[in-house]
Amino acid sequence: MTTLAHLLATLCYATALLMGAFWRGRSSAPVPALLIAGVVVHASGFVVLHAEPQPVPLDSFAAALSLIGWLTPVSYLLSLRFARVREVAPWVAGLAALLTASAAGGLAFGRPPTPSGPLGTWSHAHVLLSTLGFSMLALASLAGLAYLAKERALKSKRATRFGLSSLESLDRMEHLTLSLGFPLLTLGVLTGFVWAVSQGLSPWTQHSTPLVAAWLVYLLPIGVRVVSRQHGEWPAKLVVLGFAFLAVSYLGIRLAGLSV
C-alpha cells in the first residue's frame, strides 16, 4: 500500500511535468493543482508507512528520499504566497517525481528494516530539519537555473520553452528559499551532532563530514546572495553549484551505503 501511494504520487508529479512542458497556452495553470494532488497522495503514503507493524526507519535512505520528494513541492506551494513563479512548477514536479519514484523503488526492493529502538527527539529533529533545508535549497537551485535560462533567452532574444517568470520574480524566490534553507540546514547539522554526542558516538562520521563540507561551501553563496545582496548571473551560478555539492554530499554518501 505504501509503495502504491508513492507510485500514484509519482504519477501526479510526472503528469504535472508533462503538462507544464507540452501544454499549449497557459501551460503552468493546471500544474499547481496536480502538485497538490501529488502532495496529498504522497502524505497518505507516510500515514500508511507509519502504521505498518515494522515501519521503515525515518533515517533510512528510502524514507529520506521520500521525505525530500514530498517537502520540495510542499515548500514550493507555500512559497507561491511570496514569490509568484508558477512557471517553475514543472521543474519542481520533475524533481519530486524523480525522488518519489526512487523512494518507491527503495521501499519495494530494498532490504527490510532491521528492528531498532526509538530514534529519539534529536534524531527526528536532525532528519526533519536537514531534509526540509535540503528541499528549500533545491528550490533555490531551481530558481537559480530558471534565472540563468531566462537571462540567456533575453540576451539571445528568443522565447524560453517554459515561458519563465520575470527575472525579478525568480530572483525573489531564489533569495527567499536560500534565506530559509540555509538556517534549516544549519540546524539539521547541529542537531545531528547533538544526536551523536547524546548516543556517546563521535559526531565526525562518513555521513556528517561531507555534510559539514557542503555547509561550508554554502557560506559563499550566502555571503554573496544574502549578506551582500548581490543579484544576477554570478550569484545564481553560486546557488546552483552549492546545491550540486550538497546533493553529492547528502545523497552520494547514502548511495555509497555509508553510515548515517
C-alpha atoms as a PDB file:
ATOM      1  CA  MET A   1       0.000   0.000   0.000  1.00  0.00           C
ATOM      2  CA  THR A   2       2.842   2.390   0.820  1.00  0.00           C
ATOM      3  CA  THR A   3       4.574   1.676  -2.487  1.00  0.00           C
ATOM      4  CA  LEU A   4       1.286   2.161  -4.335  1.00  0.00           C
ATOM      5  CA  ALA A   5       0.794   5.586  -2.747  1.00  0.00           C
ATOM      6  CA  HIS A   6       4.315   6.576  -3.783  1.00  0.00           C
ATOM      7  CA  LEU A   7       3.710   5.385  -7.343  1.00  0.00           C
ATOM      8  CA  LEU A   8       0.437   7.321  -7.560  1.00  0.00           C
ATOM      9  CA  ALA A   9       2.169  10.422  -6.209  1.00  0.00           C
ATOM     10  CA  THR A  10       4.921   9.933  -8.804  1.00  0.00           C
ATOM     11  CA  LEU A  11       2.224   9.727 -11.488  1.00  0.00           C
ATOM     12  CA  CYS A  12       0.743  13.045 -10.324  1.00  0.00           C
ATOM     13  CA  TYR A  13       4.151  14.723 -10.297  1.00  0.00           C
ATOM     14  CA  ALA A  14       5.114  13.287 -13.702  1.00  0.00           C
ATOM     15  CA  THR A  15       1.786  14.378 -15.216  1.00  0.00           C
ATOM     16  CA  ALA A  16       2.390  17.870 -13.851  1.00  0.00           C
ATOM     17  CA  LEU A  17       5.812  17.882 -15.511  1.00  0.00           C
ATOM     18  CA  LEU A  18       4.437  16.747 -18.879  1.00  0.00           C
ATOM     19  CA  MET A  19       1.530  19.182 -18.825  1.00  0.00           C
ATOM     20  CA  GLY A  20       3.847  22.042 -17.972  1.00  0.00           C
ATOM     21  CA  ALA A  21       6.238  21.045 -20.742  1.00  0.00           C
ATOM     22  CA  PHE A  22       3.809  20.394 -23.591  1.00  0.00           C
ATOM     23  CA  TRP A  23       0.504  22.084 -22.753  1.00  0.00           C
ATOM     24  CA  ARG A  24      -0.219  24.947 -25.101  1.00  0.00           C
ATOM     25  CA  GLY A  25      -1.272  28.380 -23.924  1.00  0.00           C
ATOM     26  CA  ARG A  26      -1.183  28.878 -20.143  1.00  0.00           C
ATOM     27  CA  SER A  27       0.940  25.796 -19.676  1.00  0.00           C
ATOM     28  CA  SER A  28       1.503  26.216 -15.958  1.00  0.00           C
ATOM     29  CA  ALA A  29      -2.170  26.671 -14.984  1.00  0.00           C
ATOM     30  CA  PRO A  30      -3.023  23.001 -14.127  1.00  0.00           C
ATOM     31  CA  VAL A  31       0.392  22.161 -12.710  1.00  0.00           C
ATOM     32  CA  PRO A  32      -0.026  23.504  -9.127  1.00  0.00           C
ATOM     33  CA  ALA A  33      -3.304  21.557  -8.802  1.00  0.00           C
ATOM     34  CA  LEU A  34      -1.534  18.356  -9.844  1.00  0.00           C
ATOM     35  CA  LEU A  35       1.265  19.119  -7.399  1.00  0.00           C
ATOM     36  CA  ILE A  36      -1.311  19.481  -4.612  1.00  0.00           C
ATOM     37  CA  ALA A  37      -2.874  16.136  -5.604  1.00  0.00           C
ATOM     38  CA  GLY A  38       0.553  14.503  -5.553  1.00  0.00           C
ATOM     39  CA  VAL A  39       1.354  16.004  -2.142  1.00  0.00           C
ATOM     40  CA  VAL A  40      -1.918  14.688  -0.665  1.00  0.00           C
ATOM     41  CA  VAL A  41      -1.439  11.180  -2.080  1.00  0.00           C
ATOM     42  CA  HIS A  42       2.199  11.221  -1.011  1.00  0.00           C
ATOM     43  CA  ALA A  43       1.194  12.200   2.532  1.00  0.00           C
ATOM     44  CA  SER A  44      -1.181   9.237   2.676  1.00  0.00           C
ATOM     45  CA  GLY A  45       1.810   7.023   1.933  1.00  0.00           C
ATOM     46  CA  PHE A  46       3.558   8.399   5.019  1.00  0.00           C
ATOM     47  CA  VAL A  47       0.484   7.639   7.133  1.00  0.00           C
ATOM     48  CA  VAL A  48       0.352   4.036   5.906  1.00  0.00           C
ATOM     49  CA  LEU A  49       4.106   3.687   6.334  1.00  0.00           C
ATOM     50  CA  HIS A  50       3.944   4.858   9.938  1.00  0.00           C
ATOM     51  CA  ALA A  51       1.070   2.459  10.678  1.00  0.00           C
ATOM     52  CA  GLU A  52       2.916  -0.646   9.465  1.00  0.00           C
ATOM     53  CA  PRO A  53       3.931  -3.214  12.107  1.00  0.00           C
ATOM     54  CA  GLN A  54       7.597  -2.786  11.202  1.00  0.00           C
ATOM     55  CA  PRO A  55       7.856   0.675   9.595  1.00  0.00           C
ATOM     56  CA  VAL A  56      10.857   1.802   7.592  1.00  0.00           C
ATOM     57  CA  PRO A  57      13.068   3.970   9.861  1.00  0.00           C
ATOM     58  CA  LEU A  58      12.814   7.695   9.223  1.00  0.00           C
ATOM     59  CA  ASP A  59      16.584   7.928   8.755  1.00  0.00           C
ATOM     60  CA  SER A  60      16.734   5.223   6.056  1.00  0.00           C
ATOM     61  CA  PHE A  61      17.698   6.215   2.519  1.00  0.00           C
ATOM     62  CA  ALA A  62      14.274   5.413   1.023  1.00  0.00           C
ATOM     63  CA  ALA A  63      12.456   7.374   3.732  1.00  0.00           C
ATOM     64  CA  ALA A  64      14.833  10.328   3.312  1.00  0.00           C
ATOM     65  CA  LEU A  65      14.261  10.390  -0.452  1.00  0.00           C
ATOM     66  CA  SER A  66      10.515  10.196   0.056  1.00  0.00           C
ATOM     67  CA  LEU A  67      10.536  12.985   2.618  1.00  0.00           C
ATOM     68  CA  ILE A  68      12.590  15.268   0.355  1.00  0.00           C
ATOM     69  CA  GLY A  69      10.352  14.385  -2.599  1.00  0.00           C
ATOM     70  CA  TRP A  70       7.331  15.437  -0.543  1.00  0.00           C
ATOM     71  CA  LEU A  71       8.782  18.518   1.138  1.00  0.00           C
ATOM     72  CA  THR A  72      10.063  20.011  -2.134  1.00  0.00           C
ATOM     73  CA  PRO A  73       6.599  20.553  -3.709  1.00  0.00           C
ATOM     74  CA  VAL A  74       5.145  21.460  -0.290  1.00  0.00           C
ATOM     75  CA  SER A  75       7.790  24.153   0.150  1.00  0.00           C
ATOM     76  CA  TYR A  76       7.207  25.378  -3.380  1.00  0.00           C
ATOM     77  CA  LEU A  77       3.443  25.631  -2.948  1.00  0.00           C
ATOM     78  CA  LEU A  78       3.920  27.593   0.281  1.00  0.00           C
ATOM     79  CA  SER A  79       6.463  29.896  -1.375  1.00  0.00           C
ATOM     80  CA  LEU A  80       3.916  30.904  -4.036  1.00  0.00           C
ATOM     81  CA  ARG A  81       2.411  33.239  -1.454  1.00  0.00           C
ATOM     82  CA  PHE A  82       5.590  35.325  -1.521  1.00  0.00           C
ATOM     83  CA  ALA A  83       7.039  34.682  -4.995  1.00  0.00           C
ATOM     84  CA  ARG A  84       4.656  34.236  -7.940  1.00  0.00           C
ATOM     85  CA  VAL A  85       6.701  31.857 -10.061  1.00  0.00           C
ATOM     86  CA  ARG A  86       4.137  29.339 -11.270  1.00  0.00           C
ATOM     87  CA  GLU A  87       6.189  28.657 -14.382  1.00  0.00           C
ATOM     88  CA  VAL A  88       8.821  26.879 -12.255  1.00  0.00           C
ATOM     89  CA  ALA A  89       6.202  24.341 -11.128  1.00  0.00           C
ATOM     90  CA  PRO A  90       7.056  21.778 -13.888  1.00  0.00           C
ATOM     91  CA  TRP A  91      10.692  21.826 -12.763  1.00  0.00           C
ATOM     92  CA  VAL A  92       9.602  21.198  -9.175  1.00  0.00           C
ATOM     93  CA  ALA A  93       7.284  18.422 -10.371  1.00  0.00           C
ATOM     94  CA  GLY A  94      10.126  16.745 -12.260  1.00  0.00           C
ATOM     95  CA  LEU A  95      12.397  16.736  -9.225  1.00  0.00           C
ATOM     96  CA  ALA A  96       9.584  15.466  -6.975  1.00  0.00           C
ATOM     97  CA  ALA A  97       8.760  12.685  -9.462  1.00  0.00           C
ATOM     98  CA  LEU A  98      12.397  11.545  -9.620  1.00  0.00           C
ATOM     99  CA  LEU A  99      12.835  11.487  -5.841  1.00  0.00           C
ATOM    100  CA  THR A 100       9.480   9.831  -5.139  1.00  0.00           C
ATOM    101  CA  ALA A 101       9.965   7.159  -7.792  1.00  0.00           C
ATOM    102  CA  SER A 102      13.411   6.388  -6.368  1.00  0.00           C
ATOM    103  CA  ALA A 103      11.891   6.149  -2.888  1.00  0.00           C
ATOM    104  CA  ALA A 104       9.198   3.796  -4.187  1.00  0.00           C
ATOM    105  CA  GLY A 105      11.884   1.547  -5.656  1.00  0.00           C
ATOM    106  CA  GLY A 106      13.792   1.569  -2.381  1.00  0.00           C
ATOM    107  CA  LEU A 107      10.679   0.699  -0.396  1.00  0.00           C
ATOM    108  CA  ALA A 108       9.686  -2.094  -2.789  1.00  0.00           C
ATOM    109  CA  PHE A 109      13.061  -3.709  -3.464  1.00  0.00           C
ATOM    110  CA  GLY A 110      15.306  -2.502  -0.660  1.00  0.00           C
ATOM    111  CA  ARG A 111      16.355  -4.550   2.313  1.00  0.00           C
ATOM    112  CA  PRO A 112      13.693  -4.873   5.013  1.00  0.00           C
ATOM    113  CA  PRO A 113      14.203  -2.599   8.023  1.00  0.00           C
ATOM    114  CA  THR A 114      16.098  -4.015  10.948  1.00  0.00           C
ATOM    115  CA  PRO A 115      14.372  -3.813  14.328  1.00  0.00           C
ATOM    116  CA  SER A 116      15.619  -0.889  16.377  1.00  0.00           C
ATOM    117  CA  GLY A 117      14.601   1.172  19.337  1.00  0.00           C
ATOM    118  CA  PRO A 118      13.110   4.633  19.137  1.00  0.00           C
ATOM    119  CA  LEU A 119      15.401   7.147  17.473  1.00  0.00           C
ATOM    120  CA  GLY A 120      14.643   9.918  19.921  1.00  0.00           C
ATOM    121  CA  THR A 121      13.850  13.609  19.619  1.00  0.00           C
ATOM    122  CA  TRP A 122      17.273  14.735  18.424  1.00  0.00           C
ATOM    123  CA  SER A 123      17.350  12.134  15.659  1.00  0.00           C
ATOM    124  CA  HIS A 124      13.911  13.109  14.379  1.00  0.00           C
ATOM    125  CA  ALA A 125      14.837  16.794  14.561  1.00  0.00           C
ATOM    126  CA  HIS A 126      18.037  16.120  12.593  1.00  0.00           C
ATOM    127  CA  VAL A 127      16.216  14.229   9.831  1.00  0.00           C
ATOM    128  CA  LEU A 128      13.306  16.663   9.536  1.00  0.00           C
ATOM    129  CA  LEU A 129      15.408  19.836   9.653  1.00  0.00           C
ATOM    130  CA  SER A 130      18.081  18.586   7.249  1.00  0.00           C
ATOM    131  CA  THR A 131      15.545  17.261   4.711  1.00  0.00           C
ATOM    132  CA  LEU A 132      13.483  20.456   4.910  1.00  0.00           C
ATOM    133  CA  GLY A 133      16.645  22.517   4.463  1.00  0.00           C
ATOM    134  CA  PHE A 134      17.634  20.318   1.520  1.00  0.00           C
ATOM    135  CA  SER A 135      14.201  20.837  -0.057  1.00  0.00           C
ATOM    136  CA  MET A 136      14.332  24.625   0.311  1.00  0.00           C
ATOM    137  CA  LEU A 137      17.851  24.742  -1.118  1.00  0.00           C
ATOM    138  CA  ALA A 138      16.689  22.561  -4.025  1.00  0.00           C
ATOM    139  CA  LEU A 139      14.049  25.208  -4.748  1.00  0.00           C
ATOM    140  CA  ALA A 140      16.704  27.918  -4.580  1.00  0.00           C
ATOM    141  CA  SER A 141      18.751  25.946  -7.104  1.00  0.00           C
ATOM    142  CA  LEU A 142      15.760  25.514  -9.438  1.00  0.00           C
ATOM    143  CA  ALA A 143      15.069  29.249  -9.208  1.00  0.00           C
ATOM    144  CA  GLY A 144      18.734  29.902  -9.975  1.00  0.00           C
ATOM    145  CA  LEU A 145      18.624  27.593 -13.006  1.00  0.00           C
ATOM    146  CA  ALA A 146      15.429  29.269 -14.213  1.00  0.00           C
ATOM    147  CA  TYR A 147      17.037  32.680 -13.732  1.00  0.00           C
ATOM    148  CA  LEU A 148      20.045  31.657 -15.838  1.00  0.00           C
ATOM    149  CA  ALA A 149      17.781  30.194 -18.552  1.00  0.00           C
ATOM    150  CA  LYS A 150      15.620  33.321 -18.635  1.00  0.00           C
ATOM    151  CA  GLU A 151      18.622  35.625 -18.743  1.00  0.00           C
ATOM    152  CA  ARG A 152      20.224  33.663 -21.579  1.00  0.00           C
ATOM    153  CA  ALA A 153      16.953  33.748 -23.525  1.00  0.00           C
ATOM    154  CA  LEU A 154      16.679  37.511 -23.082  1.00  0.00           C
ATOM    155  CA  LYS A 155      20.255  38.055 -24.226  1.00  0.00           C
ATOM    156  CA  SER A 156      19.705  35.901 -27.315  1.00  0.00           C
ATOM    157  CA  LYS A 157      16.262  37.488 -27.896  1.00  0.00           C
ATOM    158  CA  ARG A 158      14.416  34.197 -28.072  1.00  0.00           C
ATOM    159  CA  ALA A 159      11.496  32.778 -26.084  1.00  0.00           C
ATOM    160  CA  THR A 160      12.104  30.166 -23.381  1.00  0.00           C
ATOM    161  CA  ARG A 161      10.361  26.808 -23.705  1.00  0.00           C
ATOM    162  CA  PHE A 162       8.514  27.143 -20.408  1.00  0.00           C
ATOM    163  CA  GLY A 163       7.705  30.867 -20.634  1.00  0.00           C
ATOM    164  CA  LEU A 164       9.521  31.586 -17.375  1.00  0.00           C
ATOM    165  CA  SER A 165       8.618  34.358 -14.967  1.00  0.00           C
ATOM    166  CA  SER A 166      10.391  37.698 -14.836  1.00  0.00           C
ATOM    167  CA  LEU A 167      13.954  37.837 -13.594  1.00  0.00           C
ATOM    168  CA  GLU A 168      12.729  39.821 -10.574  1.00  0.00           C
ATOM    169  CA  SER A 169      10.287  37.077  -9.540  1.00  0.00           C
ATOM    170  CA  LEU A 170      12.861  34.325  -9.958  1.00  0.00           C
ATOM    171  CA  ASP A 171      15.424  36.383  -8.053  1.00  0.00           C
ATOM    172  CA  ARG A 172      12.909  36.872  -5.220  1.00  0.00           C
ATOM    173  CA  MET A 173      12.211  33.133  -4.994  1.00  0.00           C
ATOM    174  CA  GLU A 174      15.924  32.326  -5.047  1.00  0.00           C
ATOM    175  CA  HIS A 175      16.589  34.790  -2.219  1.00  0.00           C
ATOM    176  CA  LEU A 176      13.618  33.595  -0.124  1.00  0.00           C
ATOM    177  CA  THR A 177      14.321  29.871  -0.358  1.00  0.00           C
ATOM    178  CA  LEU A 178      18.070  30.308   0.146  1.00  0.00           C
ATOM    179  CA  SER A 179      17.476  32.519   3.204  1.00  0.00           C
ATOM    180  CA  LEU A 180      15.194  29.859   4.722  1.00  0.00           C
ATOM    181  CA  GLY A 181      17.006  26.731   3.554  1.00  0.00           C
ATOM    182  CA  PHE A 182      20.462  27.546   4.868  1.00  0.00           C
ATOM    183  CA  PRO A 183      19.376  28.136   8.519  1.00  0.00           C
ATOM    184  CA  LEU A 184      17.343  24.913   8.381  1.00  0.00           C
ATOM    185  CA  LEU A 185      20.343  23.003   7.042  1.00  0.00           C
ATOM    186  CA  THR A 186      22.459  24.571   9.796  1.00  0.00           C
ATOM    187  CA  LEU A 187      20.002  23.383  12.446  1.00  0.00           C
ATOM    188  CA  GLY A 188      19.987  19.948  10.820  1.00  0.00           C
ATOM    189  CA  VAL A 189      23.776  19.725  11.085  1.00  0.00           C
ATOM    190  CA  LEU A 190      23.774  20.927  14.703  1.00  0.00           C
ATOM    191  CA  THR A 191      21.026  18.530  15.829  1.00  0.00           C
ATOM    192  CA  GLY A 192      22.895  15.704  14.099  1.00  0.00           C
ATOM    193  CA  PHE A 193      25.968  16.493  16.206  1.00  0.00           C
ATOM    194  CA  VAL A 194      23.864  16.656  19.389  1.00  0.00           C
ATOM    195  CA  TRP A 195      22.226  13.343  18.491  1.00  0.00           C
ATOM    196  CA  ALA A 196      25.607  11.637  18.037  1.00  0.00           C
ATOM    197  CA  VAL A 197      27.014  13.052  21.289  1.00  0.00           C
ATOM    198  CA  SER A 198      23.876  12.044  23.203  1.00  0.00           C
ATOM    199  CA  GLN A 199      24.424   8.464  21.989  1.00  0.00           C
ATOM    200  CA  GLY A 200      28.072   8.504  23.080  1.00  0.00           C
ATOM    201  CA  LEU A 201      29.266   8.472  19.456  1.00  0.00           C
ATOM    202  CA  SER A 202      31.735  10.616  17.588  1.00  0.00           C
ATOM    203  CA  PRO A 203      29.914  13.329  15.604  1.00  0.00           C
ATOM    204  CA  TRP A 204      32.572  13.159  12.883  1.00  0.00           C
ATOM    205  CA  THR A 205      31.392  10.273  10.722  1.00  0.00           C
ATOM    206  CA  GLN A 206      31.411   9.479   6.996  1.00  0.00           C
ATOM    207  CA  HIS A 207      27.933  10.989   6.913  1.00  0.00           C
ATOM    208  CA  SER A 208      28.465  14.197   8.859  1.00  0.00           C
ATOM    209  CA  THR A 209      31.849  15.241   7.456  1.00  0.00           C
ATOM    210  CA  PRO A 210      30.703  15.704   3.812  1.00  0.00           C
ATOM    211  CA  LEU A 211      27.537  17.416   5.086  1.00  0.00           C
ATOM    212  CA  VAL A 212      29.625  19.918   7.060  1.00  0.00           C
ATOM    213  CA  ALA A 213      31.804  20.431   3.976  1.00  0.00           C
ATOM    214  CA  ALA A 214      28.666  21.210   1.951  1.00  0.00           C
ATOM    215  CA  TRP A 215      27.559  23.642   4.668  1.00  0.00           C
ATOM    216  CA  LEU A 216      30.916  25.428   4.420  1.00  0.00           C
ATOM    217  CA  VAL A 217      30.622  25.626   0.622  1.00  0.00           C
ATOM    218  CA  TYR A 218      27.208  27.273   1.043  1.00  0.00           C
ATOM    219  CA  LEU A 219      28.797  30.118   3.008  1.00  0.00           C
ATOM    220  CA  LEU A 220      29.964  31.564  -0.335  1.00  0.00           C
ATOM    221  CA  PRO A 221      26.506  31.927  -1.979  1.00  0.00           C
ATOM    222  CA  ILE A 222      25.065  33.026   1.373  1.00  0.00           C
ATOM    223  CA  GLY A 223      27.701  35.739   1.677  1.00  0.00           C
ATOM    224  CA  VAL A 224      27.216  36.910  -1.897  1.00  0.00           C
ATOM    225  CA  ARG A 225      23.445  36.495  -2.216  1.00  0.00           C
ATOM    226  CA  VAL A 226      22.049  37.195   1.271  1.00  0.00           C
ATOM    227  CA  VAL A 227      24.672  39.214   3.167  1.00  0.00           C
ATOM    228  CA  SER A 228      25.980  41.347   0.289  1.00  0.00           C
ATOM    229  CA  ARG A 229      22.581  41.231  -1.513  1.00  0.00           C
ATOM    230  CA  GLN A 230      24.162  40.822  -4.934  1.00  0.00           C
ATOM    231  CA  HIS A 231      21.905  39.860  -7.825  1.00  0.00           C
ATOM    232  CA  GLY A 232      22.342  38.477 -11.300  1.00  0.00           C
ATOM    233  CA  GLU A 233      24.075  35.656 -13.099  1.00  0.00           C
ATOM    234  CA  TRP A 234      27.075  35.122 -10.799  1.00  0.00           C
ATOM    235  CA  PRO A 235      25.087  34.688  -7.535  1.00  0.00           C
ATOM    236  CA  ALA A 236      22.641  32.374  -9.333  1.00  0.00           C
ATOM    237  CA  LYS A 237      25.521  30.185 -10.508  1.00  0.00           C
ATOM    238  CA  LEU A 238      26.881  30.016  -6.964  1.00  0.00           C
ATOM    239  CA  VAL A 239      23.493  28.891  -5.631  1.00  0.00           C
ATOM    240  CA  VAL A 240      23.256  26.150  -8.276  1.00  0.00           C
ATOM    241  CA  LEU A 241      26.829  24.960  -7.689  1.00  0.00           C
ATOM    242  CA  GLY A 242      26.304  24.997  -3.921  1.00  0.00           C
ATOM    243  CA  PHE A 243      23.296  22.714  -4.234  1.00  0.00           C
ATOM    244  CA  ALA A 244      25.159  20.395  -6.626  1.00  0.00           C
ATOM    245  CA  PHE A 245      27.843  19.926  -3.954  1.00  0.00           C
ATOM    246  CA  LEU A 246      25.180  19.424  -1.275  1.00  0.00           C
ATOM    247  CA  ALA A 247      23.351  16.834  -3.380  1.00  0.00           C
ATOM    248  CA  VAL A 248      26.552  14.848  -3.921  1.00  0.00           C
ATOM    249  CA  SER A 249      27.385  15.082  -0.220  1.00  0.00           C
ATOM    250  CA  TYR A 250      23.903  14.247   1.096  1.00  0.00           C
ATOM    251  CA  LEU A 251      22.676  11.716  -1.466  1.00  0.00           C
ATOM    252  CA  GLY A 252      26.001  10.379  -2.713  1.00  0.00           C
ATOM    253  CA  ILE A 253      27.040   9.099   0.692  1.00  0.00           C
ATOM    254  CA  ARG A 254      23.677   7.359   1.032  1.00  0.00           C
ATOM    255  CA  LEU A 255      24.028   5.702  -2.351  1.00  0.00           C
ATOM    256  CA  ALA A 256      27.516   4.590  -1.374  1.00  0.00           C
ATOM    257  CA  GLY A 257      26.000   2.839   1.642  1.00  0.00           C
ATOM    258  CA  LEU A 258      27.915   4.813   4.219  1.00  0.00           C
ATOM    259  CA  SER A 259      26.775   5.032   7.807  1.00  0.00           C
ATOM    260  CA  VAL A 260      24.310   7.659   8.993  1.00  0.00           C
END
